[in-house]
Amino acid sequence: MEGLLSFLLFAIFFYLMMRFGCGAHMVHGRHNNYGEHGGSDVKHIDPVCGLQISPDEGYGKMHDGRLFRFCSRGCLDKFEAEPERFLREQKEVTS
């Protein structure tokens, strides 16, 4: 009976921490890949066509440890064929 009481106390503590404590943002889904809260106001720029993409739209691709988002499969395919070209063009525009 003592083991059951310990288990129930641990379960209640775990629930409270996940609901209101350090895990609350994970339960409610308000986080992004960078561990930041929110995400709907964070925009990505498609390196191929320059459109702004929301984190939950389009296609994503990791390249050199960085996430790039694309508006369509066509833009993703173009980037995969020549990633250095589009990264170079993106650097030229931001410089």
PDB file of N, CA and C in Angstrom:
ATOM      1  N   MET A   1       0.820  -1.194   0.000  1.00  0.00           N
ATOM      2  CA  MET A   1       0.000   0.000   0.000  1.00  0.00           C
ATOM      3  C   MET A   1       0.871   1.268   0.000  1.00  0.00           C
ATOM      4  N   GLU A   2       2.012   1.202   0.687  1.00  0.00           N
ATOM      5  CA  GLU A   2       2.908   2.359   0.724  1.00  0.00           C
ATOM      6  C   GLU A   2       3.488   2.650  -0.664  1.00  0.00           C
ATOM      7  N   GLY A   3       3.778   1.613  -1.432  1.00  0.00           N
ATOM      8  CA  GLY A   3       4.289   1.787  -2.791  1.00  0.00           C
ATOM      9  C   GLY A   3       3.259   2.449  -3.694  1.00  0.00           C
ATOM     10  N   LEU A   4       2.000   2.104  -3.527  1.00  0.00           N
ATOM     11  CA  LEU A   4       0.934   2.704  -4.325  1.00  0.00           C
ATOM     12  C   LEU A   4       0.787   4.188  -3.990  1.00  0.00           C
ATOM     13  N   LEU A   5       0.869   4.540  -2.714  1.00  0.00           N
ATOM     14  CA  LEU A   5       0.774   5.935  -2.296  1.00  0.00           C
ATOM     15  C   LEU A   5       1.944   6.746  -2.868  1.00  0.00           C
ATOM     16  N   SER A   6       3.149   6.195  -2.839  1.00  0.00           N
ATOM     17  CA  SER A   6       4.319   6.879  -3.408  1.00  0.00           C
ATOM     18  C   SER A   6       4.148   7.093  -4.910  1.00  0.00           C
ATOM     19  N   PHE A   7       3.639   6.082  -5.581  1.00  0.00           N
ATOM     20  CA  PHE A   7       3.410   6.182  -7.017  1.00  0.00           C
ATOM     21  C   PHE A   7       2.381   7.269  -7.327  1.00  0.00           C
ATOM     22  N   LEU A   8       1.291   7.313  -6.584  1.00  0.00           N
ATOM     23  CA  LEU A   8       0.259   8.318  -6.810  1.00  0.00           C
ATOM     24  C   LEU A   8       0.786   9.733  -6.547  1.00  0.00           C
ATOM     25  N   LEU A   9       1.582   9.920  -5.513  1.00  0.00           N
ATOM     26  CA  LEU A   9       2.163  11.229  -5.239  1.00  0.00           C
ATOM     27  C   LEU A   9       3.102  11.656  -6.369  1.00  0.00           C
ATOM     28  N   PHE A  10       3.910  10.718  -6.853  1.00  0.00           N
ATOM     29  CA  PHE A  10       4.796  11.016  -7.970  1.00  0.00           C
ATOM     30  C   PHE A  10       3.994  11.365  -9.219  1.00  0.00           C
ATOM     31  N   ALA A  11       2.927  10.626  -9.480  1.00  0.00           N
ATOM     32  CA  ALA A  11       2.092  10.877 -10.658  1.00  0.00           C
ATOM     33  C   ALA A  11       1.445  12.256 -10.577  1.00  0.00           C
ATOM     34  N   ILE A  12       0.970  12.643  -9.420  1.00  0.00           N
ATOM     35  CA  ILE A  12       0.367  13.962  -9.252  1.00  0.00           C
ATOM     36  C   ILE A  12       1.409  15.055  -9.456  1.00  0.00           C
ATOM     37  N   PHE A  13       2.588  14.869  -8.880  1.00  0.00           N
ATOM     38  CA  PHE A  13       3.673  15.834  -9.052  1.00  0.00           C
ATOM     39  C   PHE A  13       4.047  15.967 -10.536  1.00  0.00           C
ATOM     40  N   PHE A  14       4.169  14.845 -11.212  1.00  0.00           N
ATOM     41  CA  PHE A  14       4.518  14.839 -12.632  1.00  0.00           C
ATOM     42  C   PHE A  14       3.452  15.572 -13.451  1.00  0.00           C
ATOM     43  N   TYR A  15       2.190  15.299 -13.164  1.00  0.00           N
ATOM     44  CA  TYR A  15       1.096  15.959 -13.879  1.00  0.00           C
ATOM     45  C   TYR A  15       1.153  17.477 -13.677  1.00  0.00           C
ATOM     46  N   LEU A  16       1.327  17.908 -12.444  1.00  0.00           N
ATOM     47  CA  LEU A  16       1.364  19.336 -12.153  1.00  0.00           C
ATOM     48  C   LEU A  16       2.537  20.026 -12.847  1.00  0.00           C
ATOM     49  N   MET A  17       3.686  19.369 -12.868  1.00  0.00           N
ATOM     50  CA  MET A  17       4.851  19.962 -13.538  1.00  0.00           C
ATOM     51  C   MET A  17       4.636  20.051 -15.055  1.00  0.00           C
ATOM     52  N   MET A  18       4.031  19.056 -15.642  1.00  0.00           N
ATOM     53  CA  MET A  18       3.781  19.087 -17.082  1.00  0.00           C
ATOM     54  C   MET A  18       2.679  20.083 -17.432  1.00  0.00           C
ATOM     55  N   ARG A  19       1.713  20.219 -16.557  1.00  0.00           N
ATOM     56  CA  ARG A  19       0.576  21.106 -16.829  1.00  0.00           C
ATOM     57  C   ARG A  19       0.916  22.572 -16.585  1.00  0.00           C
ATOM     58  N   PHE A  20       1.605  22.871 -15.499  1.00  0.00           N
ATOM     59  CA  PHE A  20       1.840  24.257 -15.116  1.00  0.00           C
ATOM     60  C   PHE A  20       3.313  24.638 -15.019  1.00  0.00           C
ATOM     61  N   GLY A  21       4.190  23.676 -14.988  1.00  0.00           N
ATOM     62  CA  GLY A  21       5.608  23.957 -14.753  1.00  0.00           C
ATOM     63  C   GLY A  21       6.421  24.004 -16.020  1.00  0.00           C
ATOM     64  N   CYS A  22       7.601  23.408 -15.947  1.00  0.00           N
ATOM     65  CA  CYS A  22       8.578  23.501 -17.029  1.00  0.00           C
ATOM     66  C   CYS A  22       8.112  22.834 -18.315  1.00  0.00           C
ATOM     67  N   GLY A  23       7.192  21.910 -18.264  1.00  0.00           N
ATOM     68  CA  GLY A  23       6.728  21.233 -19.477  1.00  0.00           C
ATOM     69  C   GLY A  23       5.457  21.810 -20.055  1.00  0.00           C
ATOM     70  N   ALA A  24       4.946  22.909 -19.485  1.00  0.00           N
ATOM     71  CA  ALA A  24       3.666  23.457 -19.921  1.00  0.00           C
ATOM     72  C   ALA A  24       3.673  23.872 -21.390  1.00  0.00           C
ATOM     73  N   HIS A  25       4.769  24.458 -21.865  1.00  0.00           N
ATOM     74  CA  HIS A  25       4.808  24.886 -23.267  1.00  0.00           C
ATOM     75  C   HIS A  25       4.790  23.710 -24.218  1.00  0.00           C
ATOM     76  N   MET A  26       5.293  22.562 -23.797  1.00  0.00           N
ATOM     77  CA  MET A  26       5.289  21.383 -24.663  1.00  0.00           C
ATOM     78  C   MET A  26       3.883  20.812 -24.796  1.00  0.00           C
ATOM     79  N   VAL A  27       3.108  20.836 -23.725  1.00  0.00           N
ATOM     80  CA  VAL A  27       1.761  20.292 -23.734  1.00  0.00           C
ATOM     81  C   VAL A  27       0.854  21.125 -24.627  1.00  0.00           C
ATOM     82  N   HIS A  28       1.024  22.431 -24.598  1.00  0.00           N
ATOM     83  CA  HIS A  28       0.151  23.313 -25.356  1.00  0.00           C
ATOM     84  C   HIS A  28       0.614  23.521 -26.788  1.00  0.00           C
ATOM     85  N   GLY A  29       1.791  23.033 -27.143  1.00  0.00           N
ATOM     86  CA  GLY A  29       2.265  23.097 -28.517  1.00  0.00           C
ATOM     87  C   GLY A  29       2.730  24.467 -28.958  1.00  0.00           C
ATOM     88  N   ARG A  30       3.062  25.352 -28.029  1.00  0.00           N
ATOM     89  CA  ARG A  30       3.511  26.685 -28.416  1.00  0.00           C
ATOM     90  C   ARG A  30       5.026  26.759 -28.328  1.00  0.00           C
ATOM     91  N   HIS A  31       5.698  26.025 -29.188  1.00  0.00           N
ATOM     92  CA  HIS A  31       7.147  26.082 -29.269  1.00  0.00           C
ATOM     93  C   HIS A  31       7.560  25.768 -30.688  1.00  0.00           C
ATOM     94  N   ASN A  32       8.753  26.157 -31.039  1.00  0.00           N
ATOM     95  CA  ASN A  32       9.239  25.838 -32.369  1.00  0.00           C
ATOM     96  C   ASN A  32      10.544  25.059 -32.257  1.00  0.00           C
ATOM     97  N   ASN A  33      11.181  24.835 -33.359  1.00  0.00           N
ATOM     98  CA  ASN A  33      12.392  24.008 -33.358  1.00  0.00           C
ATOM     99  C   ASN A  33      13.559  24.627 -32.624  1.00  0.00           C
ATOM    100  N   TYR A  34      13.506  25.915 -32.357  1.00  0.00           N
ATOM    101  CA  TYR A  34      14.604  26.587 -31.688  1.00  0.00           C
ATOM    102  C   TYR A  34      14.371  26.718 -30.190  1.00  0.00           C
ATOM    103  N   GLY A  35      13.280  26.126 -29.653  1.00  0.00           N
ATOM    104  CA  GLY A  35      12.992  26.196 -28.236  1.00  0.00           C
ATOM    105  C   GLY A  35      12.356  27.510 -27.828  1.00  0.00           C
ATOM    106  N   GLU A  36      11.939  28.319 -28.803  1.00  0.00           N
ATOM    107  CA  GLU A  36      11.322  29.594 -28.501  1.00  0.00           C
ATOM    108  C   GLU A  36       9.817  29.412 -28.450  1.00  0.00           C
ATOM    109  N   HIS A  37       9.166  30.246 -27.673  1.00  0.00           N
ATOM    110  CA  HIS A  37       7.710  30.208 -27.595  1.00  0.00           C
ATOM    111  C   HIS A  37       7.136  30.942 -28.791  1.00  0.00           C
ATOM    112  N   GLY A  38       5.892  30.657 -29.076  1.00  0.00           N
ATOM    113  CA  GLY A  38       5.220  31.329 -30.186  1.00  0.00           C
ATOM    114  C   GLY A  38       5.531  30.607 -31.469  1.00  0.00           C
ATOM    115  N   GLY A  39       5.874  31.337 -32.492  1.00  0.00           N
ATOM    116  CA  GLY A  39       6.239  30.724 -33.750  1.00  0.00           C
ATOM    117  C   GLY A  39       5.413  31.236 -34.905  1.00  0.00           C
ATOM    118  N   SER A  40       4.157  31.682 -34.640  1.00  0.00           N
ATOM    119  CA  SER A  40       3.332  32.134 -35.740  1.00  0.00           C
ATOM    120  C   SER A  40       3.848  33.438 -36.333  1.00  0.00           C
ATOM    121  N   ASP A  41       4.576  34.246 -35.533  1.00  0.00           N
ATOM    122  CA  ASP A  41       5.095  35.502 -36.038  1.00  0.00           C
ATOM    123  C   ASP A  41       6.500  35.362 -36.628  1.00  0.00           C
ATOM    124  N   VAL A  42       7.104  34.192 -36.517  1.00  0.00           N
ATOM    125  CA  VAL A  42       8.426  33.944 -37.082  1.00  0.00           C
ATOM    126  C   VAL A  42       8.233  33.561 -38.545  1.00  0.00           C
ATOM    127  N   LYS A  43       8.929  34.254 -39.436  1.00  0.00           N
ATOM    128  CA  LYS A  43       8.808  33.972 -40.863  1.00  0.00           C
ATOM    129  C   LYS A  43      10.150  33.501 -41.411  1.00  0.00           C
ATOM    130  N   HIS A  44      10.082  32.628 -42.388  1.00  0.00           N
ATOM    131  CA  HIS A  44      11.261  32.173 -43.108  1.00  0.00           C
ATOM    132  C   HIS A  44      11.172  32.730 -44.521  1.00  0.00           C
ATOM    133  N   ILE A  45      12.294  32.966 -45.127  1.00  0.00           N
ATOM    134  CA  ILE A  45      12.348  33.441 -46.510  1.00  0.00           C
ATOM    135  C   ILE A  45      12.783  32.282 -47.393  1.00  0.00           C
ATOM    136  N   ASP A  46      11.973  31.973 -48.382  1.00  0.00           N
ATOM    137  CA  ASP A  46      12.317  30.936 -49.351  1.00  0.00           C
ATOM    138  C   ASP A  46      13.547  31.418 -50.118  1.00  0.00           C
ATOM    139  N   PRO A  47      14.687  30.697 -50.036  1.00  0.00           N
ATOM    140  CA  PRO A  47      15.912  31.161 -50.700  1.00  0.00           C
ATOM    141  C   PRO A  47      15.841  31.114 -52.226  1.00  0.00           C
ATOM    142  N   VAL A  48      14.864  30.409 -52.773  1.00  0.00           N
ATOM    143  CA  VAL A  48      14.772  30.296 -54.226  1.00  0.00           C
ATOM    144  C   VAL A  48      13.956  31.448 -54.813  1.00  0.00           C
ATOM    145  N   CYS A  49      12.744  31.682 -54.287  1.00  0.00           N
ATOM    146  CA  CYS A  49      11.870  32.701 -54.874  1.00  0.00           C
ATOM    147  C   CYS A  49      11.701  33.937 -54.001  1.00  0.00           C
ATOM    148  N   GLY A  50      12.133  33.874 -52.732  1.00  0.00           N
ATOM    149  CA  GLY A  50      12.077  35.040 -51.866  1.00  0.00           C
ATOM    150  C   GLY A  50      10.776  35.257 -51.115  1.00  0.00           C
ATOM    151  N   LEU A  51       9.822  34.331 -51.230  1.00  0.00           N
ATOM    152  CA  LEU A  51       8.554  34.480 -50.517  1.00  0.00           C
ATOM    153  C   LEU A  51       8.739  34.253 -49.018  1.00  0.00           C
ATOM    154  N   GLN A  52       7.901  34.917 -48.213  1.00  0.00           N
ATOM    155  CA  GLN A  52       7.895  34.669 -46.775  1.00  0.00           C
ATOM    156  C   GLN A  52       7.037  33.439 -46.500  1.00  0.00           C
ATOM    157  N   ILE A  53       7.581  32.524 -45.672  1.00  0.00           N
ATOM    158  CA  ILE A  53       6.901  31.270 -45.365  1.00  0.00           C
ATOM    159  C   ILE A  53       6.746  31.164 -43.858  1.00  0.00           C
ATOM    160  N   SER A  54       5.550  30.814 -43.398  1.00  0.00           N
ATOM    161  CA  SER A  54       5.325  30.550 -41.974  1.00  0.00           C
ATOM    162  C   SER A  54       5.957  29.212 -41.620  1.00  0.00           C
ATOM    163  N   PRO A  55       6.316  29.007 -40.346  1.00  0.00           N
ATOM    164  CA  PRO A  55       6.954  27.754 -39.941  1.00  0.00           C
ATOM    165  C   PRO A  55       6.097  26.511 -40.176  1.00  0.00           C
ATOM    166  N   ASP A  56       4.796  26.673 -40.248  1.00  0.00           N
ATOM    167  CA  ASP A  56       3.919  25.513 -40.426  1.00  0.00           C
ATOM    168  C   ASP A  56       3.450  25.340 -41.872  1.00  0.00           C
ATOM    169  N   GLU A  57       4.044  26.067 -42.808  1.00  0.00           N
ATOM    170  CA  GLU A  57       3.657  25.966 -44.207  1.00  0.00           C
ATOM    171  C   GLU A  57       4.824  25.463 -45.058  1.00  0.00           C
ATOM    172  N   GLY A  58       4.500  24.992 -46.232  1.00  0.00           N
ATOM    173  CA  GLY A  58       5.517  24.624 -47.207  1.00  0.00           C
ATOM    174  C   GLY A  58       6.353  23.415 -46.820  1.00  0.00           C
ATOM    175  N   TYR A  59       7.577  23.414 -47.296  1.00  0.00           N
ATOM    176  CA  TYR A  59       8.512  22.318 -47.105  1.00  0.00           C
ATOM    177  C   TYR A  59       9.730  22.816 -46.340  1.00  0.00           C
ATOM    178  N   GLY A  60      10.309  21.947 -45.516  1.00  0.00           N
ATOM    179  CA  GLY A  60      11.510  22.291 -44.770  1.00  0.00           C
ATOM    180  C   GLY A  60      12.667  21.398 -45.157  1.00  0.00           C
ATOM    181  N   LYS A  61      13.872  21.961 -45.101  1.00  0.00           N
ATOM    182  CA  LYS A  61      15.087  21.201 -45.426  1.00  0.00           C
ATOM    183  C   LYS A  61      16.224  21.711 -44.560  1.00  0.00           C
ATOM    184  N   MET A  62      16.914  20.789 -43.894  1.00  0.00           N
ATOM    185  CA  MET A  62      18.099  21.147 -43.126  1.00  0.00           C
ATOM    186  C   MET A  62      19.296  21.118 -44.078  1.00  0.00           C
ATOM    187  N   HIS A  63      20.092  22.197 -44.045  1.00  0.00           N
ATOM    188  CA  HIS A  63      21.299  22.281 -44.877  1.00  0.00           C
ATOM    189  C   HIS A  63      22.369  22.973 -44.050  1.00  0.00           C
ATOM    190  N   ASP A  64      23.475  22.313 -43.846  1.00  0.00           N
ATOM    191  CA  ASP A  64      24.589  22.831 -43.042  1.00  0.00           C
ATOM    192  C   ASP A  64      24.132  23.267 -41.650  1.00  0.00           C
ATOM    193  N   GLY A  65      23.247  22.462 -41.052  1.00  0.00           N
ATOM    194  CA  GLY A  65      22.789  22.740 -39.692  1.00  0.00           C
ATOM    195  C   GLY A  65      21.790  23.877 -39.591  1.00  0.00           C
ATOM    196  N   ARG A  66      21.233  24.319 -40.678  1.00  0.00           N
ATOM    197  CA  ARG A  66      20.283  25.431 -40.690  1.00  0.00           C
ATOM    198  C   ARG A  66      19.012  24.996 -41.410  1.00  0.00           C
ATOM    199  N   LEU A  67      17.858  25.398 -40.875  1.00  0.00           N
ATOM    200  CA  LEU A  67      16.579  25.044 -41.474  1.00  0.00           C
ATOM    201  C   LEU A  67      16.185  26.076 -42.516  1.00  0.00           C
ATOM    202  N   PHE A  68      15.875  25.601 -43.712  1.00  0.00           N
ATOM    203  CA  PHE A  68      15.351  26.451 -44.773  1.00  0.00           C
ATOM    204  C   PHE A  68      13.937  25.993 -45.073  1.00  0.00           C
ATOM    205  N   ARG A  69      13.029  26.937 -45.344  1.00  0.00           N
ATOM    206  CA  ARG A  69      11.651  26.608 -45.688  1.00  0.00           C
ATOM    207  C   ARG A  69      11.388  27.057 -47.111  1.00  0.00           C
ATOM    208  N   PHE A  70      10.559  26.270 -47.810  1.00  0.00           N
ATOM    209  CA  PHE A  70      10.270  26.511 -49.220  1.00  0.00           C
ATOM    210  C   PHE A  70       8.765  26.541 -49.429  1.00  0.00           C
ATOM    211  N   CYS A  71       8.311  27.400 -50.338  1.00  0.00           N
ATOM    212  CA  CYS A  71       6.883  27.566 -50.576  1.00  0.00           C
ATOM    213  C   CYS A  71       6.294  26.390 -51.348  1.00  0.00           C
ATOM    214  N   SER A  72       7.109  25.718 -52.144  1.00  0.00           N
ATOM    215  CA  SER A  72       6.593  24.625 -52.970  1.00  0.00           C
ATOM    216  C   SER A  72       7.652  23.540 -53.144  1.00  0.00           C
ATOM    217  N   ARG A  73       7.200  22.414 -53.655  1.00  0.00           N
ATOM    218  CA  ARG A  73       8.117  21.312 -53.932  1.00  0.00           C
ATOM    219  C   ARG A  73       9.084  21.693 -55.055  1.00  0.00           C
ATOM    220  N   GLY A  74       8.622  22.514 -55.977  1.00  0.00           N
ATOM    221  CA  GLY A  74       9.480  22.959 -57.070  1.00  0.00           C
ATOM    222  C   GLY A  74      10.675  23.770 -56.572  1.00  0.00           C
ATOM    223  N   CYS A  75      10.420  24.688 -55.634  1.00  0.00           N
ATOM    224  CA  CYS A  75      11.521  25.477 -55.062  1.00  0.00           C
ATOM    225  C   CYS A  75      12.478  24.586 -54.285  1.00  0.00           C
ATOM    226  N   LEU A  76      11.937  23.618 -53.564  1.00  0.00           N
ATOM    227  CA  LEU A  76      12.788  22.685 -52.818  1.00  0.00           C
ATOM    228  C   LEU A  76      13.668  21.892 -53.770  1.00  0.00           C
ATOM    229  N   ASP A  77      13.094  21.420 -54.874  1.00  0.00           N
ATOM    230  CA  ASP A  77      13.878  20.653 -55.857  1.00  0.00           C
ATOM    231  C   ASP A  77      14.990  21.501 -56.478  1.00  0.00           C
ATOM    232  N   LYS A  78      14.689  22.763 -56.788  1.00  0.00           N
ATOM    233  CA  LYS A  78      15.713  23.652 -57.350  1.00  0.00           C
ATOM    234  C   LYS A  78      16.849  23.867 -56.349  1.00  0.00           C
ATOM    235  N   PHE A  79      16.488  24.051 -55.069  1.00  0.00           N
ATOM    236  CA  PHE A  79      17.501  24.251 -54.038  1.00  0.00           C
ATOM    237  C   PHE A  79      18.365  23.011 -53.871  1.00  0.00           C
ATOM    238  N   GLU A  80      17.738  21.827 -53.868  1.00  0.00           N
ATOM    239  CA  GLU A  80      18.495  20.584 -53.705  1.00  0.00           C
ATOM    240  C   GLU A  80      19.457  20.355 -54.864  1.00  0.00           C
ATOM    241  N   ALA A  81      19.093  20.829 -56.056  1.00  0.00           N
ATOM    242  CA  ALA A  81      19.967  20.649 -57.217  1.00  0.00           C
ATOM    243  C   ALA A  81      21.199  21.553 -57.134  1.00  0.00           C
ATOM    244  N   GLU A  82      21.043  22.791 -56.644  1.00  0.00           N
ATOM    245  CA  GLU A  82      22.149  23.755 -56.572  1.00  0.00           C
ATOM    246  C   GLU A  82      22.070  24.597 -55.296  1.00  0.00           C
ATOM    247  N   PRO A  83      22.275  24.002 -54.133  1.00  0.00           N
ATOM    248  CA  PRO A  83      22.118  24.792 -52.891  1.00  0.00           C
ATOM    249  C   PRO A  83      23.102  25.950 -52.776  1.00  0.00           C
ATOM    250  N   GLU A  84      24.333  25.771 -53.221  1.00  0.00           N
ATOM    251  CA  GLU A  84      25.339  26.831 -53.083  1.00  0.00           C
ATOM    252  C   GLU A  84      24.979  28.066 -53.904  1.00  0.00           C
ATOM    253  N   ARG A  85      24.355  27.848 -55.051  1.00  0.00           N
ATOM    254  CA  ARG A  85      23.940  28.975 -55.894  1.00  0.00           C
ATOM    255  C   ARG A  85      22.945  29.860 -55.150  1.00  0.00           C
ATOM    256  N   PHE A  86      21.951  29.241 -54.538  1.00  0.00           N
ATOM    257  CA  PHE A  86      20.914  30.020 -53.865  1.00  0.00           C
ATOM    258  C   PHE A  86      21.421  30.628 -52.559  1.00  0.00           C
ATOM    259  N   LEU A  87      22.317  29.951 -51.887  1.00  0.00           N
ATOM    260  CA  LEU A  87      22.898  30.518 -50.670  1.00  0.00           C
ATOM    261  C   LEU A  87      23.784  31.707 -51.012  1.00  0.00           C
ATOM    262  N   ARG A  88      24.518  31.615 -52.112  1.00  0.00           N
ATOM    263  CA  ARG A  88      25.369  32.716 -52.566  1.00  0.00           C
ATOM    264  C   ARG A  88      24.499  33.922 -52.947  1.00  0.00           C
ATOM    265  N   GLU A  89      23.418  33.673 -53.673  1.00  0.00           N
ATOM    266  CA  GLU A  89      22.508  34.756 -54.069  1.00  0.00           C
ATOM    267  C   GLU A  89      21.857  35.405 -52.856  1.00  0.00           C
ATOM    268  N   GLN A  90      21.523  34.580 -51.859  1.00  0.00           N
ATOM    269  CA  GLN A  90      20.912  35.103 -50.641  1.00  0.00           C
ATOM    270  C   GLN A  90      21.892  35.997 -49.884  1.00  0.00           C
ATOM    271  N   LYS A  91      23.183  35.611 -49.848  1.00  0.00           N
ATOM    272  CA  LYS A  91      24.207  36.423 -49.196  1.00  0.00           C
ATOM    273  C   LYS A  91      24.383  37.758 -49.914  1.00  0.00           C
ATOM    274  N   GLU A  92      24.351  37.733 -51.250  1.00  0.00           N
ATOM    275  CA  GLU A  92      24.512  38.952 -52.026  1.00  0.00           C
ATOM    276  C   GLU A  92      23.375  39.938 -51.771  1.00  0.00           C
ATOM    277  N   VAL A  93      22.168  39.422 -51.595  1.00  0.00           N
ATOM    278  CA  VAL A  93      21.009  40.281 -51.367  1.00  0.00           C
ATOM    279  C   VAL A  93      21.073  40.905 -49.978  1.00  0.00           C
ATOM    280  N   THR A  94      21.504  40.136 -48.955  1.00  0.00           N
ATOM    281  CA  THR A  94      21.547  40.649 -47.594  1.00  0.00           C
ATOM    282  C   THR A  94      22.756  41.525 -47.337  1.00  0.00           C
ATOM    283  N   SER A  95      23.771  41.474 -48.194  1.00  0.00           N
ATOM    284  CA  SER A  95      24.991  42.286 -47.972  1.00  0.00           C
ATOM    285  C   SER A  95      24.802  43.708 -48.424  1.00  0.00           C
TER     286      SER A  95
END
